[in-house]
Amino acid sequence: MQPTTLFYILIAIICFSFIIDKILNILNSKHFDDKIPDEIADVYNKEEYKKSQEYKKAVSKFSNITSTFSIILTLTFFFVDGFKYVDNFARSFTENPILIALIFFGVIMLCSDILTTPFSYYSTFVIEEKFGFNKSSKKIFWLDKLKGGLMSVVLGGGILSLIILFYEYSGENFWIYAWALVAVFSLFMNMFYAKLIVPLFNKQKPLEEGELKTAIQEYAEKVGFTINNIHIIDGSKRSTKANAYFSGFGSQKRITLFDTLINDLNTDEIVAVLAHEVGHYKRKHIIFNLVSSILLTGLTLFILSLFINSSILSEALGVSTSSFHIGLIAFGILYSPISEITGLGMNYMSRKFEYEADDYAKETFAAKPLITSLKKLSKNSLSNLTPHKTYVFMHYSHPTLLQRILNLERV
């Protein structure tokens, strides 16, 4: 295959992905004004439903603008040999392959961040602000950008450096060492994310003694679930949207509740949400997702090792000197259709697991408070209650509100 042929294959993949995404968005947007099914008609009153429709349309329109800007920028960069210029710039400082890669990706990420930050700013302080979600200050916004950037440099740069080091010293067998590295990192982050990363962005505090903690402890004792770490996170300093999540294993397992969740729901509803999270743990969903992710990463790295030595990957992007970092970009695009397929499979399993966690909550606590909590959370986030089925299949990691309620009401 000639480099020019591969170049146009890469362009075709990028364009095809964009077109499919646009088609799905159009299909979904045609259902924004649909009548809400009777089973969930009580989520919104007339004014609230009108507001949710306006929010959906505003987000969809903005998404179309940002994605169009992104693909125009990407295609322009491809056709003007942008990768070659950035690669030459990086090589003007050093001959070390690791430093070249770090400078290369650093320049691309910095330029990308500069170009996309105005969109992020607009989304936060115009759209989210208009519909009453944003609670973030401009100081918090810029500090989050700075902290996120530093984390990308330290963690992303560190992992990339080690992978290239493995490649330089072990050749095509680098994928084995890279896989082990990613697996250990994934396990470490799953265990200690709440302790090490979350405090950089949010304040956490143990749940205080009182009715809620007592109810949670009684439920945990009932189902044989030992939990000593129940924390409240100050999600309200950025958004009114609520959330809860489970992390860690063994002595490190932790339930984290957003303060917005506690403000929006009553005690039984919060326990029901907690029961759902416990269901994920009891049904081994967290382990399945972690193992699946590690296995998929291993498969991806193995396939990468079969192609990374081919100079055609670099040449297709206009770079005459074959290198790991240029080949990685070309491979990433070529692999994206496979990634989309595995993503569909993971989304399917995720939706299945949500049903199972809901069932666990229904069996060990009660269905009604979980139903009312789901309705309240959907209302408070102005959720789309009438999404297109194809859009749900392609993008949703959770069943729709209607699907979950019908499942919970099933005897």
Protein backbone atom coordinates (compact mmCIF):
# COMPACT_ATOMS: atom_id res chain seq x y z
CA MET A 1 0.00 0.00 0.00
CA GLN A 2 1.24 3.47 -0.88
CA PRO A 3 1.44 6.19 1.82
CA THR A 4 -0.93 8.38 -0.22
CA THR A 5 -3.53 5.60 -0.26
CA LEU A 6 -3.26 5.15 3.50
CA PHE A 7 -3.55 8.93 3.95
CA TYR A 8 -6.91 8.99 2.19
CA ILE A 9 -8.07 5.93 4.12
CA LEU A 10 -7.36 7.86 7.33
CA ILE A 11 -9.28 10.87 5.99
CA ALA A 12 -12.18 8.61 4.98
CA ILE A 13 -12.36 7.09 8.47
CA ILE A 14 -12.41 10.54 10.10
CA CYS A 15 -15.11 11.81 7.72
CA PHE A 16 -17.22 8.65 7.99
CA SER A 17 -17.17 8.85 11.80
CA PHE A 18 -18.24 12.51 11.62
CA ILE A 19 -21.09 11.76 9.19
CA ILE A 20 -22.41 8.88 11.31
CA ASP A 21 -22.31 11.10 14.37
CA LYS A 22 -24.25 13.83 12.58
CA ILE A 23 -26.88 11.38 11.34
CA LEU A 24 -27.39 10.08 14.88
CA ASN A 25 -27.70 13.62 16.23
CA ILE A 26 -30.30 14.49 13.59
CA LEU A 27 -32.31 11.35 14.36
CA ASN A 28 -32.17 12.13 18.06
CA SER A 29 -33.08 15.80 17.65
CA LYS A 30 -36.23 14.89 15.71
CA HIS A 31 -37.58 13.38 18.95
CA PHE A 32 -36.90 16.35 21.21
CA ASP A 33 -40.54 17.47 21.00
CA ASP A 34 -42.12 14.03 21.35
CA LYS A 35 -44.88 13.46 23.89
CA ILE A 36 -43.48 12.04 27.12
CA PRO A 37 -44.64 8.45 27.77
CA ASP A 38 -47.38 8.16 30.38
CA GLU A 39 -45.16 6.17 32.77
CA ILE A 40 -42.83 9.15 33.20
CA ALA A 41 -45.20 12.01 32.38
CA ASP A 42 -45.00 13.23 35.99
CA VAL A 43 -41.28 14.07 35.70
CA TYR A 44 -41.94 17.50 34.19
CA ASN A 45 -44.80 19.92 34.32
CA LYS A 46 -45.55 21.96 31.20
CA GLU A 47 -43.04 24.74 31.93
CA GLU A 48 -40.30 22.34 33.02
CA TYR A 49 -40.73 20.24 29.88
CA LYS A 50 -40.46 23.36 27.75
CA LYS A 51 -37.24 24.25 29.57
CA SER A 52 -35.85 20.72 29.03
CA GLN A 53 -36.62 20.98 25.31
CA GLU A 54 -34.82 24.31 25.08
CA TYR A 55 -31.83 22.83 26.92
CA LYS A 56 -31.66 19.79 24.63
CA LYS A 57 -31.80 21.98 21.55
CA ALA A 58 -29.17 24.39 22.86
CA VAL A 59 -26.77 21.55 23.74
CA SER A 60 -27.38 19.81 20.40
CA LYS A 61 -26.80 22.98 18.39
CA PHE A 62 -23.62 23.76 20.31
CA SER A 63 -22.40 20.17 19.87
CA ASN A 64 -22.89 20.47 16.10
CA ILE A 65 -20.87 23.69 16.04
CA THR A 66 -17.99 22.28 18.10
CA SER A 67 -17.80 18.99 16.19
CA THR A 68 -17.86 20.81 12.83
CA PHE A 69 -15.09 23.14 14.01
CA SER A 70 -13.12 20.12 15.22
CA ILE A 71 -13.30 18.18 11.95
CA ILE A 72 -12.44 21.26 9.85
CA LEU A 73 -9.43 21.86 12.09
CA THR A 74 -8.40 18.20 11.93
CA LEU A 75 -8.70 17.91 8.15
CA THR A 76 -6.84 21.18 7.64
CA PHE A 77 -4.03 19.93 9.86
CA PHE A 78 -3.83 16.72 7.83
CA PHE A 79 -3.79 18.41 4.44
CA VAL A 80 -1.17 21.04 5.33
CA ASP A 81 1.18 18.35 6.71
CA GLY A 82 0.79 19.66 10.25
CA PHE A 83 2.26 16.53 11.78
CA LYS A 84 5.46 16.97 9.77
CA TYR A 85 5.94 20.56 10.94
CA VAL A 86 5.33 19.71 14.60
CA ASP A 87 7.63 16.69 14.33
CA ASN A 88 10.39 18.83 12.77
CA PHE A 89 9.90 21.40 15.53
CA ALA A 90 10.30 18.72 18.21
CA ARG A 91 13.41 17.28 16.50
CA SER A 92 15.02 20.71 16.42
CA PHE A 93 15.47 20.47 20.21
CA THR A 94 16.69 16.91 20.69
CA GLU A 95 17.37 13.53 19.11
CA ASN A 96 16.04 11.57 22.07
CA PRO A 97 12.90 9.68 20.88
CA ILE A 98 11.16 10.08 24.23
CA LEU A 99 11.73 13.82 24.43
CA ILE A 100 10.74 14.22 20.77
CA ALA A 101 7.43 12.44 21.47
CA LEU A 102 6.78 14.49 24.62
CA ILE A 103 7.42 17.78 22.82
CA PHE A 104 5.35 16.61 19.83
CA PHE A 105 2.28 15.67 21.85
CA GLY A 106 2.79 18.61 24.18
CA VAL A 107 2.62 21.10 21.30
CA ILE A 108 -0.46 19.42 19.77
CA MET A 109 -2.29 19.23 23.10
CA LEU A 110 -1.44 22.81 24.01
CA CYS A 111 -2.63 24.17 20.66
CA SER A 112 -5.76 22.03 20.81
CA ASP A 113 -6.51 23.26 24.33
CA ILE A 114 -6.04 26.89 23.31
CA LEU A 115 -8.46 26.46 20.40
CA THR A 116 -11.12 24.49 22.31
CA THR A 117 -11.07 26.35 25.65
CA PRO A 118 -13.38 29.14 24.36
CA PHE A 119 -15.98 26.46 23.56
CA SER A 120 -15.63 24.94 27.02
CA TYR A 121 -15.91 28.39 28.57
CA TYR A 122 -19.05 29.17 26.56
CA SER A 123 -20.63 25.84 27.48
CA THR A 124 -20.01 26.43 31.19
CA PHE A 125 -20.73 30.13 31.56
CA VAL A 126 -23.39 30.63 28.89
CA ILE A 127 -25.37 27.42 28.24
CA GLU A 128 -25.06 25.78 31.67
CA GLU A 129 -25.45 29.18 33.33
CA LYS A 130 -28.58 30.01 31.33
CA PHE A 131 -30.33 26.83 32.45
CA GLY A 132 -29.30 27.14 36.08
CA PHE A 133 -26.72 24.35 36.26
CA ASN A 134 -23.44 26.18 36.54
CA LYS A 135 -22.16 27.04 40.01
CA SER A 136 -18.51 27.25 39.02
CA SER A 137 -16.62 30.52 39.27
CA LYS A 138 -14.16 31.68 36.65
CA LYS A 139 -11.37 31.05 39.16
CA ILE A 140 -12.45 27.43 39.60
CA PHE A 141 -12.76 27.01 35.82
CA TRP A 142 -9.20 28.16 35.16
CA LEU A 143 -7.77 26.29 38.14
CA ASP A 144 -9.43 23.10 36.88
CA LYS A 145 -7.87 23.69 33.46
CA LEU A 146 -4.45 24.19 35.04
CA LYS A 147 -4.71 21.15 37.31
CA GLY A 148 -6.04 18.96 34.49
CA GLY A 149 -3.22 20.06 32.24
CA LEU A 150 -0.57 19.35 34.87
CA MET A 151 -2.08 15.91 35.50
CA SER A 152 -1.96 15.16 31.76
CA VAL A 153 1.69 16.18 31.65
CA VAL A 154 2.70 14.16 34.71
CA LEU A 155 0.58 11.03 34.27
CA GLY A 156 0.14 10.98 30.49
CA GLY A 157 3.71 12.05 29.84
CA GLY A 158 5.07 9.53 32.31
CA ILE A 159 3.16 6.60 30.85
CA LEU A 160 4.02 7.59 27.27
CA SER A 161 7.70 7.89 28.18
CA LEU A 162 7.77 4.42 29.70
CA ILE A 163 5.96 2.87 26.72
CA ILE A 164 8.44 4.40 24.27
CA LEU A 165 11.28 3.25 26.52
CA PHE A 166 9.89 -0.29 26.37
CA TYR A 167 9.67 0.02 22.59
CA GLU A 168 13.25 1.24 22.26
CA TYR A 169 14.66 -1.62 24.33
CA SER A 170 12.40 -4.57 23.47
CA GLY A 171 11.13 -3.84 19.96
CA GLU A 172 7.90 -5.52 18.95
CA ASN A 173 7.58 -7.16 22.38
CA PHE A 174 7.09 -3.74 23.97
CA TRP A 175 3.35 -4.35 24.14
CA ILE A 176 3.76 -6.94 26.92
CA TYR A 177 5.54 -4.48 29.21
CA ALA A 178 3.22 -1.63 28.20
CA TRP A 179 0.21 -3.81 28.95
CA ALA A 180 1.58 -4.68 32.40
CA LEU A 181 2.19 -0.98 33.05
CA VAL A 182 -1.33 0.04 32.04
CA ALA A 183 -2.87 -2.83 34.03
CA VAL A 184 -1.01 -1.86 37.22
CA PHE A 185 -1.85 1.81 36.69
CA SER A 186 -5.56 0.99 36.14
CA LEU A 187 -5.70 -1.09 39.33
CA PHE A 188 -3.88 1.60 41.29
CA MET A 189 -6.19 4.36 40.07
CA ASN A 190 -9.29 2.30 40.79
CA MET A 191 -8.07 1.72 44.33
CA PHE A 192 -6.81 5.19 45.18
CA TYR A 193 -8.50 7.63 42.74
CA ALA A 194 -10.83 8.94 45.45
CA LYS A 195 -7.92 9.51 47.86
CA LEU A 196 -5.31 10.92 45.49
CA ILE A 197 -7.04 12.60 42.53
CA VAL A 198 -10.45 13.78 43.76
CA PRO A 199 -8.97 15.98 46.55
CA LEU A 200 -7.14 17.98 43.88
CA PHE A 201 -10.51 19.21 42.58
CA ASN A 202 -13.05 18.72 45.36
CA LYS A 203 -13.35 18.72 49.11
CA GLN A 204 -14.51 15.48 50.68
CA LYS A 205 -15.71 14.81 54.18
CA PRO A 206 -17.08 11.73 55.96
CA LEU A 207 -20.85 11.50 56.21
CA GLU A 208 -21.87 12.90 59.59
CA GLU A 209 -23.80 10.93 62.20
CA GLY A 210 -27.53 11.21 61.79
CA GLU A 211 -30.60 9.73 60.16
CA LEU A 212 -29.00 9.20 56.76
CA LYS A 213 -25.86 7.52 58.03
CA THR A 214 -27.90 5.28 60.34
CA ALA A 215 -30.18 4.25 57.46
CA ILE A 216 -27.18 3.49 55.25
CA GLN A 217 -25.45 1.44 57.97
CA GLU A 218 -28.64 -0.53 58.65
CA TYR A 219 -28.98 -1.33 54.96
CA ALA A 220 -25.30 -2.27 54.63
CA GLU A 221 -25.57 -4.60 57.61
CA LYS A 222 -28.71 -6.16 56.16
CA VAL A 223 -27.01 -7.11 52.88
CA GLY A 224 -23.66 -8.02 54.44
CA PHE A 225 -21.78 -5.15 52.90
CA THR A 226 -18.97 -3.78 55.03
CA ILE A 227 -18.49 -0.11 54.37
CA ASN A 228 -16.55 2.26 56.55
CA ASN A 229 -15.96 4.99 53.98
CA ILE A 230 -19.02 7.07 53.07
CA HIS A 231 -17.97 10.50 51.88
CA ILE A 232 -19.72 13.67 50.77
CA ILE A 233 -18.18 15.63 47.91
CA ASP A 234 -18.83 19.31 47.25
CA GLY A 235 -20.16 18.87 43.71
CA SER A 236 -22.36 21.93 44.22
CA LYS A 237 -19.40 24.27 43.78
CA ARG A 238 -19.42 23.44 40.06
CA SER A 239 -22.91 22.28 39.15
CA THR A 240 -26.39 21.59 40.48
CA LYS A 241 -26.36 18.15 38.82
CA ALA A 242 -26.20 15.25 41.26
CA ASN A 243 -24.24 12.02 41.24
CA ALA A 244 -22.96 9.12 43.34
CA TYR A 245 -20.28 6.55 42.65
CA PHE A 246 -18.48 3.55 44.08
CA SER A 247 -14.72 3.06 43.95
CA GLY A 248 -11.98 0.79 45.29
CA PHE A 249 -11.83 -2.73 46.63
CA GLY A 250 -11.45 -4.34 50.03
CA SER A 251 -10.51 -1.87 52.75
CA GLN A 252 -10.27 0.88 50.13
CA LYS A 253 -13.84 0.62 48.88
CA ARG A 254 -15.70 3.86 49.19
CA ILE A 255 -19.13 5.31 48.47
CA THR A 256 -19.07 8.96 47.39
CA LEU A 257 -22.26 11.02 47.44
CA PHE A 258 -22.49 14.48 45.88
CA ASP A 259 -23.89 17.09 48.25
CA THR A 260 -26.39 17.95 45.51
CA LEU A 261 -27.70 14.37 45.72
CA ILE A 262 -28.31 14.76 49.44
CA ASN A 263 -30.07 18.08 48.87
CA ASP A 264 -32.30 16.70 46.10
CA LEU A 265 -33.37 13.36 47.59
CA ASN A 266 -34.89 12.15 50.85
CA THR A 267 -33.31 9.46 53.04
CA ASP A 268 -35.04 6.44 51.47
CA GLU A 269 -34.23 7.67 47.99
CA ILE A 270 -30.55 8.11 48.86
CA VAL A 271 -30.40 4.62 50.38
CA ALA A 272 -32.04 3.27 47.22
CA VAL A 273 -29.37 4.95 45.09
CA LEU A 274 -26.74 3.53 47.42
CA ALA A 275 -28.33 0.08 47.10
CA HIS A 276 -27.97 0.38 43.33
CA GLU A 277 -24.25 1.16 43.74
CA VAL A 278 -23.84 -1.76 46.15
CA GLY A 279 -25.55 -3.91 43.51
CA HIS A 280 -22.77 -3.10 41.06
CA TYR A 281 -20.24 -4.33 43.63
CA LYS A 282 -22.17 -7.44 44.64
CA ARG A 283 -22.80 -8.47 41.04
CA LYS A 284 -19.07 -8.10 40.22
CA HIS A 285 -19.69 -5.40 37.62
CA ILE A 286 -16.73 -3.30 38.74
CA ILE A 287 -14.36 -6.25 38.42
CA PHE A 288 -15.82 -7.18 35.02
CA ASN A 289 -15.37 -3.64 33.71
CA LEU A 290 -11.82 -3.41 35.03
CA VAL A 291 -10.77 -6.80 33.64
CA SER A 292 -12.49 -6.13 30.30
CA SER A 293 -10.76 -2.77 30.01
CA ILE A 294 -7.37 -4.33 30.74
CA LEU A 295 -7.94 -7.15 28.24
CA LEU A 296 -9.05 -4.73 25.52
CA THR A 297 -6.00 -2.59 26.21
CA GLY A 298 -3.79 -5.68 25.83
CA LEU A 299 -5.45 -6.55 22.52
CA THR A 300 -5.01 -3.00 21.24
CA LEU A 301 -1.35 -2.90 22.25
CA PHE A 302 -0.71 -6.28 20.62
CA ILE A 303 -2.25 -5.15 17.33
CA LEU A 304 -0.27 -1.91 17.60
CA SER A 305 2.94 -3.93 17.94
CA LEU A 306 2.22 -5.64 14.59
CA PHE A 307 2.05 -2.33 12.71
CA ILE A 308 4.15 0.20 14.62
CA ASN A 309 7.40 -0.75 12.84
CA SER A 310 5.87 -0.04 9.42
CA SER A 311 7.25 3.19 7.99
CA ILE A 312 4.09 3.66 5.92
CA LEU A 313 2.24 4.87 9.04
CA SER A 314 4.58 7.84 9.43
CA GLU A 315 4.86 8.46 5.69
CA ALA A 316 1.08 8.60 5.35
CA LEU A 317 1.13 11.62 7.69
CA GLY A 318 3.86 13.32 5.68
CA VAL A 319 6.74 12.42 8.03
CA SER A 320 9.69 10.79 6.28
CA THR A 321 11.42 9.68 9.50
CA SER A 322 9.61 6.68 10.95
CA SER A 323 8.82 7.14 14.63
CA PHE A 324 6.69 5.62 17.36
CA HIS A 325 4.67 8.76 18.13
CA ILE A 326 3.67 9.42 14.50
CA GLY A 327 2.82 5.76 13.93
CA LEU A 328 0.74 5.84 17.09
CA ILE A 329 -1.48 8.60 15.68
CA ALA A 330 -2.02 6.84 12.34
CA PHE A 331 -2.73 3.54 14.09
CA GLY A 332 -5.18 5.21 16.47
CA ILE A 333 -7.26 6.42 13.54
CA LEU A 334 -7.08 3.06 11.73
CA TYR A 335 -8.09 1.26 14.91
CA SER A 336 -11.01 3.59 15.69
CA PRO A 337 -13.65 1.50 13.83
CA ILE A 338 -12.67 -1.51 15.94
CA SER A 339 -12.74 0.68 19.02
CA GLU A 340 -16.27 1.80 18.10
CA ILE A 341 -17.39 -1.84 17.88
CA THR A 342 -15.86 -2.79 21.23
CA GLY A 343 -17.38 0.40 22.66
CA LEU A 344 -20.83 -0.73 21.54
CA GLY A 345 -20.25 -4.03 23.30
CA MET A 346 -19.16 -2.32 26.50
CA ASN A 347 -22.17 0.03 26.36
CA TYR A 348 -24.48 -2.97 25.92
CA MET A 349 -22.96 -4.68 28.96
CA SER A 350 -23.13 -1.42 30.93
CA ARG A 351 -26.86 -1.08 30.23
CA LYS A 352 -27.34 -4.71 31.23
CA PHE A 353 -25.45 -4.11 34.47
CA GLU A 354 -27.62 -1.07 35.25
CA TYR A 355 -30.71 -3.28 35.08
CA GLU A 356 -29.04 -5.83 37.35
CA ALA A 357 -28.02 -3.16 39.87
CA ASP A 358 -31.57 -1.77 39.81
CA ASP A 359 -32.92 -5.29 40.41
CA TYR A 360 -30.55 -5.71 43.34
CA ALA A 361 -31.76 -2.45 44.87
CA LYS A 362 -35.39 -3.52 44.34
CA GLU A 363 -34.79 -6.94 45.92
CA THR A 364 -32.78 -5.76 48.92
CA PHE A 365 -34.42 -2.40 49.60
CA ALA A 366 -37.37 -1.16 47.54
CA ALA A 367 -38.29 -0.19 44.00
CA LYS A 368 -40.45 2.85 44.73
CA PRO A 369 -37.77 5.14 46.28
CA LEU A 370 -35.36 4.25 43.47
CA ILE A 371 -38.03 5.15 40.89
CA THR A 372 -38.76 8.49 42.54
CA SER A 373 -35.04 9.24 42.88
CA LEU A 374 -34.45 8.51 39.18
CA LYS A 375 -37.33 10.80 38.26
CA LYS A 376 -36.04 13.61 40.48
CA LEU A 377 -32.50 13.31 39.14
CA SER A 378 -33.78 13.33 35.55
CA LYS A 379 -35.91 16.38 36.24
CA ASN A 380 -33.11 18.29 37.94
CA SER A 381 -30.69 17.63 35.07
CA LEU A 382 -33.32 18.34 32.37
CA SER A 383 -32.69 14.90 30.89
CA ASN A 384 -33.90 13.88 27.46
CA LEU A 385 -36.82 11.52 28.15
CA THR A 386 -37.51 10.68 24.49
CA PRO A 387 -34.18 9.77 22.86
CA HIS A 388 -34.04 7.91 19.54
CA LYS A 389 -33.50 4.16 19.95
CA THR A 390 -30.49 4.11 17.62
CA TYR A 391 -28.87 6.97 19.49
CA VAL A 392 -29.40 5.09 22.76
CA PHE A 393 -27.88 1.93 21.27
CA MET A 394 -24.83 3.79 19.98
CA HIS A 395 -24.12 6.19 22.84
CA TYR A 396 -25.93 5.36 26.08
CA SER A 397 -24.11 3.52 28.86
CA HIS A 398 -27.36 3.52 30.88
CA PRO A 399 -30.89 2.48 29.85
CA THR A 400 -33.33 5.33 29.38
CA LEU A 401 -35.41 6.48 32.34
CA LEU A 402 -38.51 4.82 30.85
CA GLN A 403 -36.69 1.51 30.39
CA ARG A 404 -35.38 1.52 33.95
CA ILE A 405 -38.75 2.34 35.47
CA LEU A 406 -40.55 -0.34 33.44
CA ASN A 407 -37.93 -2.82 34.63
CA LEU A 408 -38.30 -1.72 38.27
CA GLU A 409 -42.10 -1.95 38.10
CA ARG A 410 -41.97 -5.45 36.62
CA VAL A 411 -43.11 -8.04 39.17
